[in-house]
Amino acid sequence: MYKIGIDARLYSQTGVGVYLQNLLYFLEKMTTYDAQFFIYLVADNYKKIRFKNKNFIKVLADYKWHTVAEQIRFAKSLYRDNLDLVHFTYFSYPVFYKKKFIATIHDITPLSFKTGKASTKSALLYEFKFRAFQFVISQQVKNSKFIITPTKSVKEQLVKIYGESVKNKIKPIYEGIDYELMKLEVGSVKLEKNIKISSYFKHLTSNFKPFIIYVGNFYPHKNLDRLIQAFSKVENEVKLILIGPDDYFSNHLHHLIIKLKQQKRIFFYHNPSKKDLLFFYKNALALVHPSLSEGFGLPILEATYFNLPIIASDIDVFNEILNEKFVKFKADNIDDIKEKIKYFLKSKPRFDYGEMGKKFSFEKMTQQTYHLYHKSLSSQS
């Protein structure tokens, strides 16, 4: 029986965490196995997560990503378990690990947008960490048996950076809709019948509706400063709700909202639950996503599941996922963002997202990933 390690240290993080939660959920549900899966978790998740399948073995790996501990102690832990294959699920991994592995590279944003704005560190420390990151990801690309990307666009970006020699090892595998979100919808969760939740969300509805939403992180490449500036120029009663973490970057944007005197039009909703997201997706007028760079865009896909119209930046990834079915704007042009929001509010275009579920599925992604495990194990090198 093969021994396959899966790096799940980012299980509770946004983005990559959703990827991991769905990968492990559907992998555990598969009926036949010829492998044991060693699931590497940080301390908090190690205590909370329970696997029903006896072939899933939890391993404590309380080593923060992008650290010396990751490079040395995590590598030792992997060698200790004598694995046949490791799946590194993020663009950080111990470069001292020389046995067979595959890697998921979700995006190349840290390579494309070297501004220093996405860091709270000093300029010198940021430069050192950036150089270290460049080295680590180059080694990951060079030494992995296969690289999984969430889109063809990310594959093309990697080939452009690292050359045609890596083209054949890069395998785009589309992601999907979070299984927990689908369970809430398929299970017909009716928020208005839940007394505790109902009064709260009715308050939100009466105060914020009509509203459009943004869902995601607030890092600089998400381009929310331009969105806020553009929205401040839209003369309409519609509100903008920014849904994401309460952190350094959201605090920076909060100051911009105050500066533009938009406190009564632009709001934050921090750390949403899955039920919160269900409410917002089902009650918003549209999802707006102004990002300069993405690897996939899970909120974009989630919006399509609820037939929520999308207003988004005209970047390759969004065009690949949505196939032109969105109102697009130039991400670096505040006036164009403003005009496209105004156009949407006036025209209210609708898009047919009915076929998206056939193309994008975490269950299908897991099956394709499992097949790639076997392909990696059967190769000689």
Protein backbone atom coordinates (compact mmCIF):
# COMPACT_ATOMS: atom_id res chain seq x y z
CA MET A 1 0.00 0.00 0.00
CA TYR A 2 1.34 3.40 -1.01
CA LYS A 3 1.93 6.13 1.57
CA ILE A 4 0.86 9.56 0.31
CA GLY A 5 1.39 12.73 2.33
CA ILE A 6 -0.86 15.78 1.93
CA ASP A 7 0.30 19.13 3.28
CA ALA A 8 -2.88 20.48 4.92
CA ARG A 9 -1.28 23.08 7.20
CA LEU A 10 -3.38 25.85 5.59
CA TYR A 11 -6.65 24.01 6.21
CA SER A 12 -8.26 26.94 8.06
CA GLN A 13 -7.01 29.71 5.78
CA THR A 14 -9.17 31.44 3.17
CA GLY A 15 -8.76 30.36 -0.44
CA VAL A 16 -6.26 27.51 -0.06
CA GLY A 17 -8.20 26.33 2.97
CA VAL A 18 -11.39 25.87 0.94
CA TYR A 19 -9.35 23.91 -1.61
CA LEU A 20 -7.98 21.62 1.12
CA GLN A 21 -11.31 21.16 2.90
CA ASN A 22 -12.96 20.00 -0.32
CA LEU A 23 -10.03 17.86 -1.48
CA LEU A 24 -9.96 15.93 1.80
CA TYR A 25 -13.75 15.72 2.04
CA PHE A 26 -14.16 14.11 -1.37
CA LEU A 27 -10.96 12.06 -1.10
CA GLU A 28 -12.22 10.48 2.11
CA LYS A 29 -15.57 9.70 0.44
CA MET A 30 -13.94 7.71 -2.37
CA THR A 31 -14.81 4.04 -1.93
CA THR A 32 -11.60 2.31 -2.99
CA TYR A 33 -8.06 2.95 -1.80
CA ASP A 34 -4.68 1.47 -2.41
CA ALA A 35 -2.95 4.07 -0.26
CA GLN A 36 -2.67 5.48 3.21
CA PHE A 37 -2.96 9.26 3.43
CA PHE A 38 -0.80 11.11 5.94
CA ILE A 39 -2.53 14.47 6.53
CA TYR A 40 -0.14 17.10 7.95
CA LEU A 41 -1.92 19.66 10.16
CA VAL A 42 -1.05 22.56 12.45
CA ALA A 43 -1.93 22.17 16.13
CA ASP A 44 -5.39 23.80 16.12
CA ASN A 45 -6.65 21.74 13.22
CA TYR A 46 -4.98 18.57 14.50
CA LYS A 47 -7.18 18.79 17.60
CA LYS A 48 -10.41 19.59 15.75
CA ILE A 49 -10.37 17.45 12.61
CA ARG A 50 -11.57 13.85 12.71
CA PHE A 51 -11.31 11.39 9.83
CA LYS A 52 -13.66 8.42 9.69
CA ASN A 53 -11.59 6.45 7.23
CA LYS A 54 -8.84 4.34 8.80
CA ASN A 55 -6.56 5.07 5.84
CA PHE A 56 -6.43 8.76 6.80
CA ILE A 57 -3.73 9.40 9.39
CA LYS A 58 -3.38 12.77 11.11
CA VAL A 59 0.16 14.02 11.61
CA LEU A 60 1.02 17.04 13.73
CA ALA A 61 3.09 19.49 11.66
CA ASP A 62 2.92 22.74 13.56
CA TYR A 63 5.37 24.52 11.28
CA LYS A 64 4.36 27.90 9.87
CA TRP A 65 4.73 28.32 6.12
CA HIS A 66 7.55 30.57 4.85
CA THR A 67 9.69 29.82 7.92
CA VAL A 68 12.96 28.09 8.79
CA ALA A 69 10.97 25.52 10.78
CA GLU A 70 9.14 24.59 7.61
CA GLN A 71 12.39 24.17 5.72
CA ILE A 72 14.11 21.98 8.30
CA ARG A 73 11.70 20.42 10.78
CA PHE A 74 8.86 19.78 8.35
CA ALA A 75 11.29 18.14 5.92
CA LYS A 76 12.53 15.86 8.74
CA SER A 77 8.93 14.94 9.57
CA LEU A 78 8.25 13.96 5.96
CA TYR A 79 11.41 11.86 5.74
CA ARG A 80 10.55 10.17 9.03
CA ASP A 81 7.25 8.92 7.60
CA ASN A 82 8.99 7.42 4.56
CA LEU A 83 6.36 8.55 2.07
CA ASP A 84 6.06 7.38 -1.52
CA LEU A 85 4.61 10.73 -2.63
CA VAL A 86 3.86 14.12 -1.09
CA HIS A 87 1.29 16.62 -2.33
CA PHE A 88 2.37 20.16 -1.39
CA THR A 89 -0.79 22.21 -1.69
CA TYR A 90 0.73 25.70 -1.57
CA PHE A 91 3.71 27.53 -3.12
CA SER A 92 5.75 27.06 0.03
CA TYR A 93 7.49 23.79 0.74
CA PRO A 94 10.74 22.47 2.31
CA VAL A 95 13.36 22.66 -0.44
CA PHE A 96 15.47 20.10 1.43
CA TYR A 97 12.84 17.45 0.68
CA LYS A 98 14.22 15.55 -2.33
CA LYS A 99 11.84 12.60 -2.61
CA LYS A 100 8.95 12.42 -5.08
CA PHE A 101 6.27 15.13 -4.83
CA ILE A 102 3.64 17.06 -6.75
CA ALA A 103 2.61 20.64 -6.02
CA THR A 104 -0.45 22.83 -6.42
CA ILE A 105 0.44 26.39 -7.41
CA HIS A 106 -2.75 28.41 -7.09
CA ASP A 107 -1.46 31.65 -8.62
CA ILE A 108 1.69 33.66 -9.34
CA THR A 109 0.49 36.91 -7.76
CA PRO A 110 3.46 37.20 -5.35
CA LEU A 111 5.81 37.04 -8.35
CA SER A 112 3.78 39.42 -10.51
CA PHE A 113 3.10 42.17 -7.98
CA LYS A 114 6.31 42.94 -6.13
CA THR A 115 5.27 46.22 -4.54
CA GLY A 116 5.97 45.67 -0.86
CA LYS A 117 2.47 46.97 -0.13
CA ALA A 118 1.26 43.49 0.71
CA SER A 119 3.66 43.26 3.62
CA THR A 120 3.76 44.91 7.02
CA LYS A 121 7.50 44.21 7.25
CA SER A 122 10.37 46.62 6.65
CA ALA A 123 11.55 47.13 3.07
CA LEU A 124 14.79 45.24 3.70
CA LEU A 125 13.06 42.28 5.31
CA TYR A 126 10.43 42.26 2.59
CA GLU A 127 13.14 42.14 -0.09
CA PHE A 128 14.87 39.24 1.66
CA LYS A 129 11.62 37.29 1.98
CA PHE A 130 10.75 38.00 -1.66
CA ARG A 131 14.11 36.64 -2.82
CA ALA A 132 13.64 33.57 -0.64
CA PHE A 133 10.15 33.07 -2.07
CA GLN A 134 11.51 33.32 -5.62
CA PHE A 135 14.03 30.60 -4.85
CA VAL A 136 11.53 28.29 -3.13
CA ILE A 137 8.94 28.44 -5.91
CA SER A 138 11.61 27.98 -8.61
CA GLN A 139 12.77 24.82 -6.81
CA GLN A 140 9.18 23.64 -6.46
CA VAL A 141 8.60 24.07 -10.19
CA LYS A 142 11.92 22.43 -11.07
CA ASN A 143 11.76 19.40 -8.75
CA SER A 144 8.07 18.47 -8.67
CA LYS A 145 6.86 15.48 -10.65
CA PHE A 146 3.73 17.39 -11.64
CA ILE A 147 2.33 20.84 -10.95
CA ILE A 148 -1.42 21.36 -10.56
CA THR A 149 -2.83 24.77 -11.47
CA PRO A 150 -6.49 25.80 -11.02
CA THR A 151 -6.71 27.28 -14.53
CA LYS A 152 -5.04 27.22 -17.92
CA SER A 153 -4.21 30.88 -17.40
CA VAL A 154 -1.93 30.09 -14.44
CA LYS A 155 -0.24 27.35 -16.47
CA GLU A 156 0.50 29.85 -19.24
CA GLN A 157 1.91 32.31 -16.71
CA LEU A 158 4.23 29.68 -15.24
CA VAL A 159 5.46 28.63 -18.67
CA LYS A 160 6.14 32.27 -19.49
CA ILE A 161 8.28 32.60 -16.34
CA TYR A 162 10.04 29.21 -16.25
CA GLY A 163 10.12 28.23 -19.92
CA GLU A 164 8.70 25.61 -22.25
CA SER A 165 10.63 22.84 -20.48
CA VAL A 166 8.05 22.78 -17.65
CA LYS A 167 4.99 22.89 -19.89
CA ASN A 168 4.22 19.17 -19.98
CA LYS A 169 4.41 18.69 -16.22
CA ILE A 170 1.80 21.40 -15.52
CA LYS A 171 -1.75 20.05 -15.29
CA PRO A 172 -4.66 22.52 -15.03
CA ILE A 173 -7.46 21.06 -12.87
CA TYR A 174 -10.50 23.25 -12.28
CA GLU A 175 -11.84 23.72 -8.76
CA GLY A 176 -15.51 24.03 -7.78
CA ILE A 177 -18.15 25.17 -5.32
CA ASP A 178 -17.50 24.59 -1.62
CA TYR A 179 -19.42 21.46 -0.57
CA GLU A 180 -20.60 23.13 2.66
CA LEU A 181 -22.12 26.02 0.72
CA MET A 182 -23.89 23.58 -1.62
CA LYS A 183 -25.20 21.59 1.34
CA LEU A 184 -26.78 24.72 2.78
CA GLU A 185 -28.46 25.49 -0.54
CA VAL A 186 -29.47 21.96 -1.52
CA GLY A 187 -30.74 21.36 1.99
CA SER A 188 -33.08 24.34 1.53
CA VAL A 189 -31.85 26.29 4.53
CA LYS A 190 -34.50 28.96 4.95
CA LEU A 191 -32.95 31.78 6.93
CA GLU A 192 -36.27 33.55 7.40
CA LYS A 193 -37.60 30.60 9.41
CA ASN A 194 -34.72 30.64 11.85
CA ILE A 195 -35.83 33.16 14.50
CA LYS A 196 -32.35 33.95 15.79
CA ILE A 197 -30.85 34.48 12.34
CA SER A 198 -33.97 35.97 10.79
CA SER A 199 -34.09 39.17 12.86
CA TYR A 200 -30.42 39.86 12.26
CA PHE A 201 -30.51 39.38 8.50
CA LYS A 202 -33.78 41.26 8.17
CA HIS A 203 -31.95 44.16 9.81
CA LEU A 204 -29.17 43.85 7.25
CA THR A 205 -31.67 43.65 4.41
CA SER A 206 -33.61 46.72 5.48
CA ASN A 207 -30.48 48.78 6.05
CA PHE A 208 -28.29 47.67 3.15
CA LYS A 209 -30.62 46.67 0.34
CA PRO A 210 -30.17 47.18 -2.51
CA PHE A 211 -26.50 46.26 -2.30
CA ILE A 212 -23.64 44.76 -4.28
CA ILE A 213 -20.94 42.68 -2.63
CA TYR A 214 -17.25 41.94 -2.77
CA VAL A 215 -16.09 38.65 -1.20
CA GLY A 216 -12.44 37.86 -0.50
CA ASN A 217 -9.24 39.15 1.07
CA PHE A 218 -8.17 42.79 1.10
CA TYR A 219 -4.60 42.46 -0.16
CA PRO A 220 -3.35 45.27 -2.43
CA HIS A 221 -3.57 43.19 -5.63
CA LYS A 222 -7.31 42.82 -4.98
CA ASN A 223 -7.51 46.45 -6.13
CA LEU A 224 -10.16 47.52 -3.62
CA ASP A 225 -8.78 51.03 -3.24
CA ARG A 226 -9.74 51.72 -6.88
CA LEU A 227 -13.13 50.06 -6.38
CA ILE A 228 -13.85 52.27 -3.37
CA GLN A 229 -12.81 55.40 -5.26
CA ALA A 230 -14.93 54.41 -8.25
CA PHE A 231 -17.97 53.55 -6.14
CA SER A 232 -17.74 56.89 -4.33
CA LYS A 233 -18.51 58.52 -7.69
CA VAL A 234 -21.58 56.39 -8.41
CA GLU A 235 -24.65 58.51 -7.61
CA ASN A 236 -27.11 55.86 -6.52
CA GLU A 237 -28.74 54.58 -3.32
CA VAL A 238 -27.13 51.17 -3.74
CA LYS A 239 -24.66 50.13 -1.03
CA LEU A 240 -21.35 48.27 -1.31
CA ILE A 241 -20.55 45.55 1.25
CA LEU A 242 -16.94 44.37 1.50
CA ILE A 243 -16.96 40.84 2.94
CA GLY A 244 -13.69 39.47 4.29
CA PRO A 245 -11.23 39.36 7.21
CA ASP A 246 -10.69 42.08 9.79
CA ASP A 247 -6.99 42.81 9.37
CA TYR A 248 -4.30 45.37 8.61
CA PHE A 249 -5.42 45.72 4.99
CA SER A 250 -9.13 46.19 5.77
CA ASN A 251 -8.15 48.86 8.29
CA HIS A 252 -6.23 50.70 5.57
CA LEU A 253 -9.31 50.62 3.33
CA HIS A 254 -11.49 51.81 6.20
CA HIS A 255 -9.41 54.99 6.41
CA LEU A 256 -9.92 55.55 2.68
CA ILE A 257 -13.69 55.17 3.09
CA ILE A 258 -13.65 57.80 5.83
CA LYS A 259 -11.48 60.11 3.72
CA LEU A 260 -14.00 59.87 0.87
CA LYS A 261 -16.94 60.32 3.29
CA GLN A 262 -18.51 57.02 2.21
CA GLN A 263 -19.27 55.55 5.65
CA LYS A 264 -23.03 55.49 4.91
CA ARG A 265 -22.58 53.76 1.54
CA ILE A 266 -19.65 51.34 1.93
CA PHE A 267 -19.61 48.78 4.74
CA PHE A 268 -17.42 45.92 5.96
CA TYR A 269 -18.75 42.53 6.99
CA HIS A 270 -15.91 40.60 8.62
CA ASN A 271 -15.29 36.86 8.95
CA PRO A 272 -18.56 35.59 7.44
CA SER A 273 -19.92 32.13 8.20
CA LYS A 274 -21.16 29.90 5.37
CA LYS A 275 -24.73 30.88 6.25
CA ASP A 276 -23.76 34.54 6.02
CA LEU A 277 -22.31 33.97 2.56
CA LEU A 278 -25.47 32.14 1.51
CA PHE A 279 -27.54 35.14 2.55
CA PHE A 280 -25.36 37.65 0.71
CA TYR A 281 -25.14 35.61 -2.50
CA LYS A 282 -28.93 35.18 -2.56
CA ASN A 283 -29.82 38.80 -1.76
CA ALA A 284 -27.20 40.96 -3.48
CA LEU A 285 -27.74 42.69 -6.80
CA ALA A 286 -24.32 41.62 -8.04
CA LEU A 287 -20.83 40.52 -7.07
CA VAL A 288 -18.04 42.96 -7.95
CA HIS A 289 -14.45 41.71 -8.17
CA PRO A 290 -11.78 44.27 -9.21
CA SER A 291 -8.68 42.09 -8.76
CA LEU A 292 -5.51 42.75 -10.75
CA SER A 293 -4.42 39.12 -10.49
CA GLU A 294 -6.07 35.82 -9.56
CA GLY A 295 -5.33 32.15 -9.93
CA PHE A 296 -8.97 31.09 -9.92
CA GLY A 297 -11.50 33.19 -8.02
CA LEU A 298 -13.72 31.01 -5.81
CA PRO A 299 -16.20 33.86 -5.02
CA ILE A 300 -16.67 34.35 -8.77
CA LEU A 301 -17.67 30.72 -9.18
CA GLU A 302 -19.82 30.73 -6.03
CA ALA A 303 -21.73 33.73 -7.40
CA THR A 304 -22.54 31.79 -10.58
CA TYR A 305 -23.97 28.97 -8.48
CA PHE A 306 -26.57 31.41 -7.16
CA ASN A 307 -27.07 33.08 -10.57
CA LEU A 308 -25.70 36.30 -9.16
CA PRO A 309 -24.53 38.68 -11.92
CA ILE A 310 -20.83 39.55 -11.88
CA ILE A 311 -19.04 42.84 -12.50
CA ALA A 312 -15.31 42.14 -12.65
CA SER A 313 -11.92 43.09 -14.00
CA ASP A 314 -11.06 42.07 -17.54
CA ILE A 315 -8.28 39.60 -16.72
CA ASP A 316 -7.47 36.27 -18.35
CA VAL A 317 -8.58 34.09 -15.44
CA PHE A 318 -12.04 35.63 -15.17
CA ASN A 319 -12.54 35.38 -18.93
CA GLU A 320 -11.51 31.72 -18.81
CA ILE A 321 -13.92 30.88 -15.97
CA LEU A 322 -16.87 33.02 -17.02
CA ASN A 323 -16.54 32.77 -20.81
CA GLU A 324 -17.51 36.43 -21.32
CA LYS A 325 -20.60 36.12 -19.10
CA PHE A 326 -19.94 39.18 -16.96
CA VAL A 327 -19.73 42.96 -17.08
CA LYS A 328 -16.01 43.63 -17.42
CA PHE A 329 -13.93 46.73 -16.72
CA LYS A 330 -10.31 47.82 -16.96
CA ALA A 331 -8.95 47.09 -13.49
CA ASP A 332 -6.48 50.00 -13.48
CA ASN A 333 -9.05 52.60 -14.61
CA ILE A 334 -11.21 54.12 -11.86
CA ASP A 335 -13.51 55.84 -14.34
CA ASP A 336 -14.12 52.61 -16.25
CA ILE A 337 -14.95 50.78 -13.01
CA LYS A 338 -17.40 53.56 -12.16
CA GLU A 339 -19.03 53.52 -15.61
CA LYS A 340 -19.46 49.73 -15.65
CA ILE A 341 -21.10 49.77 -12.21
CA LYS A 342 -23.43 52.53 -13.41
CA TYR A 343 -24.17 50.54 -16.58
CA PHE A 344 -25.04 47.47 -14.53
CA LEU A 345 -27.31 49.38 -12.16
CA LYS A 346 -29.16 50.95 -15.09
CA SER A 347 -29.39 47.95 -17.43
CA LYS A 348 -29.37 45.06 -14.92
CA PRO A 349 -28.03 42.47 -17.40
CA ARG A 350 -28.53 38.79 -16.57
CA PHE A 351 -26.31 35.87 -17.47
CA ASP A 352 -27.02 32.16 -17.85
CA TYR A 353 -24.68 30.21 -15.59
CA GLY A 354 -26.61 26.94 -15.84
CA GLU A 355 -23.80 24.87 -17.34
CA MET A 356 -21.09 25.96 -14.91
CA GLY A 357 -21.68 23.06 -12.52
CA LYS A 358 -20.73 20.51 -15.19
CA LYS A 359 -17.38 22.16 -15.80
CA PHE A 360 -16.37 23.14 -12.27
CA SER A 361 -16.57 20.60 -9.45
CA PHE A 362 -14.42 19.88 -6.40
CA GLU A 363 -15.50 16.25 -6.57
CA LYS A 364 -14.27 16.01 -10.17
CA MET A 365 -11.11 17.90 -9.16
CA THR A 366 -10.43 15.33 -6.41
CA GLN A 367 -10.84 12.42 -8.83
CA GLN A 368 -8.42 14.02 -11.30
CA THR A 369 -5.94 14.74 -8.49
CA TYR A 370 -6.14 11.14 -7.28
CA HIS A 371 -5.43 10.00 -10.83
CA LEU A 372 -2.37 12.27 -10.86
CA TYR A 373 -1.16 10.66 -7.63
CA HIS A 374 -1.21 7.29 -9.38
CA LYS A 375 0.47 8.66 -12.47
CA SER A 376 3.25 10.09 -10.30
CA LEU A 377 3.70 6.85 -8.36
CA SER A 378 3.86 4.72 -11.49
CA SER A 379 6.62 6.80 -13.09
CA GLN A 380 10.21 5.60 -12.72
CA SER A 381 11.91 8.87 -11.71
